[in-house]
Amino acid sequence: TGLAAISKVPALGWAQIVAYGGFCELSAGSDDWKTGTPGDYGFKVLTSSDPAEKTKKLSAEIANGRLAMMAIIGMFFQDGLTGSAWGDW
Protein backbone atom coordinates (compact mmCIF):
# COMPACT_ATOMS: atom_id res chain seq x y z
CA THR A 1 0.00 0.00 0.00
CA GLY A 2 1.02 3.61 -0.33
CA LEU A 3 1.17 4.27 3.40
CA ALA A 4 3.37 1.21 3.92
CA ALA A 5 6.00 2.87 1.72
CA ILE A 6 6.69 5.36 4.52
CA SER A 7 8.15 2.60 6.69
CA LYS A 8 10.43 1.45 3.85
CA VAL A 9 12.45 4.69 3.88
CA PRO A 10 15.44 4.36 6.24
CA ALA A 11 16.00 6.88 9.03
CA LEU A 12 18.98 8.38 7.20
CA GLY A 13 16.71 8.98 4.20
CA TRP A 14 14.22 10.88 6.36
CA ALA A 15 17.12 12.87 7.85
CA GLN A 16 18.24 13.83 4.33
CA ILE A 17 14.73 14.91 3.38
CA VAL A 18 14.38 17.07 6.50
CA ALA A 19 17.90 18.52 6.09
CA TYR A 20 17.25 19.44 2.45
CA GLY A 21 13.91 21.07 3.35
CA GLY A 22 15.63 23.06 6.08
CA PHE A 23 18.38 24.11 3.68
CA CYS A 24 15.81 25.31 1.14
CA GLU A 25 13.92 27.28 3.78
CA LEU A 26 16.97 28.89 5.36
CA SER A 27 18.97 29.66 2.22
CA ALA A 28 16.24 31.76 0.64
CA GLY A 29 17.50 34.95 2.29
CA SER A 30 16.05 35.98 5.62
CA ASP A 31 16.35 39.70 4.80
CA ASP A 32 13.55 39.34 2.26
CA TRP A 33 11.30 37.87 4.93
CA LYS A 34 11.82 40.86 7.21
CA THR A 35 11.50 43.64 4.65
CA GLY A 36 9.21 42.35 1.89
CA THR A 37 5.76 40.95 1.50
CA PRO A 38 5.82 37.14 1.72
CA GLY A 39 5.46 35.60 -1.73
CA ASP A 40 5.89 38.90 -3.56
CA TYR A 41 8.71 38.39 -6.03
CA GLY A 42 7.73 41.28 -8.32
CA PHE A 43 6.27 38.89 -10.93
CA LYS A 44 2.85 40.32 -11.81
CA VAL A 45 1.72 37.94 -14.58
CA LEU A 46 -0.39 35.70 -12.34
CA THR A 47 -1.28 38.36 -9.79
CA SER A 48 -2.48 41.86 -10.44
CA SER A 49 -1.68 45.45 -9.54
CA ASP A 50 -5.37 45.98 -8.75
CA PRO A 51 -5.89 45.16 -5.04
CA ALA A 52 -9.42 43.78 -5.55
CA GLU A 53 -8.32 41.49 -8.39
CA LYS A 54 -5.28 40.37 -6.42
CA THR A 55 -7.45 39.53 -3.41
CA LYS A 56 -9.82 37.54 -5.63
CA LYS A 57 -6.97 35.54 -7.21
CA LEU A 58 -5.26 34.87 -3.89
CA SER A 59 -8.56 33.72 -2.36
CA ALA A 60 -9.07 31.34 -5.28
CA GLU A 61 -5.54 29.98 -4.78
CA ILE A 62 -6.19 29.38 -1.08
CA ALA A 63 -9.49 27.62 -1.87
CA ASN A 64 -7.79 25.39 -4.46
CA GLY A 65 -5.02 24.54 -2.00
CA ARG A 66 -7.56 23.58 0.66
CA LEU A 67 -9.42 21.40 -1.84
CA ALA A 68 -6.17 19.66 -2.78
CA MET A 69 -5.38 19.03 0.91
CA MET A 70 -8.81 17.49 1.47
CA ALA A 71 -8.39 15.30 -1.62
CA ILE A 72 -5.03 13.90 -0.53
CA ILE A 73 -6.29 13.29 3.02
CA GLY A 74 -9.24 11.40 1.51
CA MET A 75 -6.82 9.29 -0.51
CA PHE A 76 -4.77 8.55 2.62
CA PHE A 77 -7.93 7.56 4.49
CA GLN A 78 -9.09 5.28 1.66
CA ASP A 79 -5.62 3.73 1.41
CA GLY A 80 -5.62 3.07 5.15
CA LEU A 81 -9.05 1.43 5.03
CA THR A 82 -8.87 -0.55 1.80
CA GLY A 83 -5.16 -0.84 1.05
CA SER A 84 -5.63 0.91 -2.31
CA ALA A 85 -5.81 4.65 -2.82
CA TRP A 86 -7.57 4.32 -6.18
CA GLY A 87 -10.02 1.53 -5.49
CA ASP A 88 -10.36 -1.71 -7.37
CA TRP A 89 -11.64 -0.47 -10.70
C-alpha atoms as a PDB file:
ATOM      1  CA  THR A   1       0.000   0.000   0.000  1.00  0.00           C
ATOM      2  CA  GLY A   2       1.017   3.610  -0.333  1.00  0.00           C
ATOM      3  CA  LEU A   3       1.170   4.273   3.396  1.00  0.00           C
ATOM      4  CA  ALA A   4       3.375   1.211   3.920  1.00  0.00           C
ATOM      5  CA  ALA A   5       6.000   2.868   1.716  1.00  0.00           C
ATOM      6  CA  ILE A   6       6.692   5.363   4.516  1.00  0.00           C
ATOM      7  CA  SER A   7       8.151   2.603   6.689  1.00  0.00           C
ATOM      8  CA  LYS A   8      10.431   1.451   3.847  1.00  0.00           C
ATOM      9  CA  VAL A   9      12.452   4.691   3.875  1.00  0.00           C
ATOM     10  CA  PRO A  10      15.443   4.355   6.235  1.00  0.00           C
ATOM     11  CA  ALA A  11      16.002   6.876   9.029  1.00  0.00           C
ATOM     12  CA  LEU A  12      18.980   8.380   7.196  1.00  0.00           C
ATOM     13  CA  GLY A  13      16.709   8.977   4.196  1.00  0.00           C
ATOM     14  CA  TRP A  14      14.223  10.884   6.359  1.00  0.00           C
ATOM     15  CA  ALA A  15      17.119  12.871   7.845  1.00  0.00           C
ATOM     16  CA  GLN A  16      18.244  13.828   4.332  1.00  0.00           C
ATOM     17  CA  ILE A  17      14.728  14.909   3.382  1.00  0.00           C
ATOM     18  CA  VAL A  18      14.383  17.074   6.496  1.00  0.00           C
ATOM     19  CA  ALA A  19      17.898  18.521   6.089  1.00  0.00           C
ATOM     20  CA  TYR A  20      17.248  19.437   2.453  1.00  0.00           C
ATOM     21  CA  GLY A  21      13.911  21.065   3.351  1.00  0.00           C
ATOM     22  CA  GLY A  22      15.625  23.061   6.085  1.00  0.00           C
ATOM     23  CA  PHE A  23      18.380  24.115   3.681  1.00  0.00           C
ATOM     24  CA  CYS A  24      15.814  25.313   1.141  1.00  0.00           C
ATOM     25  CA  GLU A  25      13.923  27.279   3.781  1.00  0.00           C
ATOM     26  CA  LEU A  26      16.969  28.889   5.360  1.00  0.00           C
ATOM     27  CA  SER A  27      18.967  29.656   2.224  1.00  0.00           C
ATOM     28  CA  ALA A  28      16.241  31.758   0.635  1.00  0.00           C
ATOM     29  CA  GLY A  29      17.500  34.954   2.292  1.00  0.00           C
ATOM     30  CA  SER A  30      16.050  35.984   5.621  1.00  0.00           C
ATOM     31  CA  ASP A  31      16.351  39.703   4.802  1.00  0.00           C
ATOM     32  CA  ASP A  32      13.552  39.343   2.256  1.00  0.00           C
ATOM     33  CA  TRP A  33      11.296  37.866   4.931  1.00  0.00           C
ATOM     34  CA  LYS A  34      11.821  40.860   7.206  1.00  0.00           C
ATOM     35  CA  THR A  35      11.496  43.636   4.649  1.00  0.00           C
ATOM     36  CA  GLY A  36       9.212  42.346   1.889  1.00  0.00           C
ATOM     37  CA  THR A  37       5.759  40.945   1.498  1.00  0.00           C
ATOM     38  CA  PRO A  38       5.818  37.137   1.721  1.00  0.00           C
ATOM     39  CA  GLY A  39       5.462  35.600  -1.725  1.00  0.00           C
ATOM     40  CA  ASP A  40       5.894  38.899  -3.563  1.00  0.00           C
ATOM     41  CA  TYR A  41       8.712  38.391  -6.031  1.00  0.00           C
ATOM     42  CA  GLY A  42       7.731  41.278  -8.316  1.00  0.00           C
ATOM     43  CA  PHE A  43       6.274  38.894 -10.926  1.00  0.00           C
ATOM     44  CA  LYS A  44       2.849  40.316 -11.813  1.00  0.00           C
ATOM     45  CA  VAL A  45       1.718  37.943 -14.576  1.00  0.00           C
ATOM     46  CA  LEU A  46      -0.395  35.701 -12.342  1.00  0.00           C
ATOM     47  CA  THR A  47      -1.276  38.356  -9.791  1.00  0.00           C
ATOM     48  CA  SER A  48      -2.480  41.865 -10.443  1.00  0.00           C
ATOM     49  CA  SER A  49      -1.682  45.449  -9.537  1.00  0.00           C
ATOM     50  CA  ASP A  50      -5.366  45.980  -8.748  1.00  0.00           C
ATOM     51  CA  PRO A  51      -5.888  45.156  -5.042  1.00  0.00           C
ATOM     52  CA  ALA A  52      -9.418  43.777  -5.546  1.00  0.00           C
ATOM     53  CA  GLU A  53      -8.319  41.491  -8.394  1.00  0.00           C
ATOM     54  CA  LYS A  54      -5.279  40.371  -6.424  1.00  0.00           C
ATOM     55  CA  THR A  55      -7.451  39.525  -3.409  1.00  0.00           C
ATOM     56  CA  LYS A  56      -9.822  37.536  -5.635  1.00  0.00           C
ATOM     57  CA  LYS A  57      -6.973  35.542  -7.214  1.00  0.00           C
ATOM     58  CA  LEU A  58      -5.258  34.871  -3.892  1.00  0.00           C
ATOM     59  CA  SER A  59      -8.555  33.721  -2.358  1.00  0.00           C
ATOM     60  CA  ALA A  60      -9.069  31.338  -5.278  1.00  0.00           C
ATOM     61  CA  GLU A  61      -5.542  29.981  -4.775  1.00  0.00           C
ATOM     62  CA  ILE A  62      -6.193  29.379  -1.076  1.00  0.00           C
ATOM     63  CA  ALA A  63      -9.487  27.617  -1.874  1.00  0.00           C
ATOM     64  CA  ASN A  64      -7.786  25.386  -4.457  1.00  0.00           C
ATOM     65  CA  GLY A  65      -5.020  24.542  -1.996  1.00  0.00           C
ATOM     66  CA  ARG A  66      -7.558  23.585   0.657  1.00  0.00           C
ATOM     67  CA  LEU A  67      -9.424  21.404  -1.836  1.00  0.00           C
ATOM     68  CA  ALA A  68      -6.173  19.657  -2.776  1.00  0.00           C
ATOM     69  CA  MET A  69      -5.382  19.029   0.906  1.00  0.00           C
ATOM     70  CA  MET A  70      -8.814  17.494   1.473  1.00  0.00           C
ATOM     71  CA  ALA A  71      -8.392  15.300  -1.616  1.00  0.00           C
ATOM     72  CA  ILE A  72      -5.028  13.900  -0.527  1.00  0.00           C
ATOM     73  CA  ILE A  73      -6.287  13.292   3.024  1.00  0.00           C
ATOM     74  CA  GLY A  74      -9.243  11.404   1.513  1.00  0.00           C
ATOM     75  CA  MET A  75      -6.819   9.289  -0.511  1.00  0.00           C
ATOM     76  CA  PHE A  76      -4.765   8.551   2.621  1.00  0.00           C
ATOM     77  CA  PHE A  77      -7.926   7.557   4.488  1.00  0.00           C
ATOM     78  CA  GLN A  78      -9.090   5.284   1.663  1.00  0.00           C
ATOM     79  CA  ASP A  79      -5.619   3.730   1.412  1.00  0.00           C
ATOM     80  CA  GLY A  80      -5.619   3.066   5.146  1.00  0.00           C
ATOM     81  CA  LEU A  81      -9.055   1.428   5.028  1.00  0.00           C
ATOM     82  CA  THR A  82      -8.870  -0.554   1.803  1.00  0.00           C
ATOM     83  CA  GLY A  83      -5.155  -0.837   1.046  1.00  0.00           C
ATOM     84  CA  SER A  84      -5.631   0.906  -2.311  1.00  0.00           C
ATOM     85  CA  ALA A  85      -5.806   4.648  -2.819  1.00  0.00           C
ATOM     86  CA  TRP A  86      -7.569   4.319  -6.182  1.00  0.00           C
ATOM     87  CA  GLY A  87     -10.020   1.534  -5.491  1.00  0.00           C
ATOM     88  CA  ASP A  88     -10.363  -1.713  -7.369  1.00  0.00           C
ATOM     89  CA  TRP A  89     -11.642  -0.467 -10.698  1.00  0.00           C
END
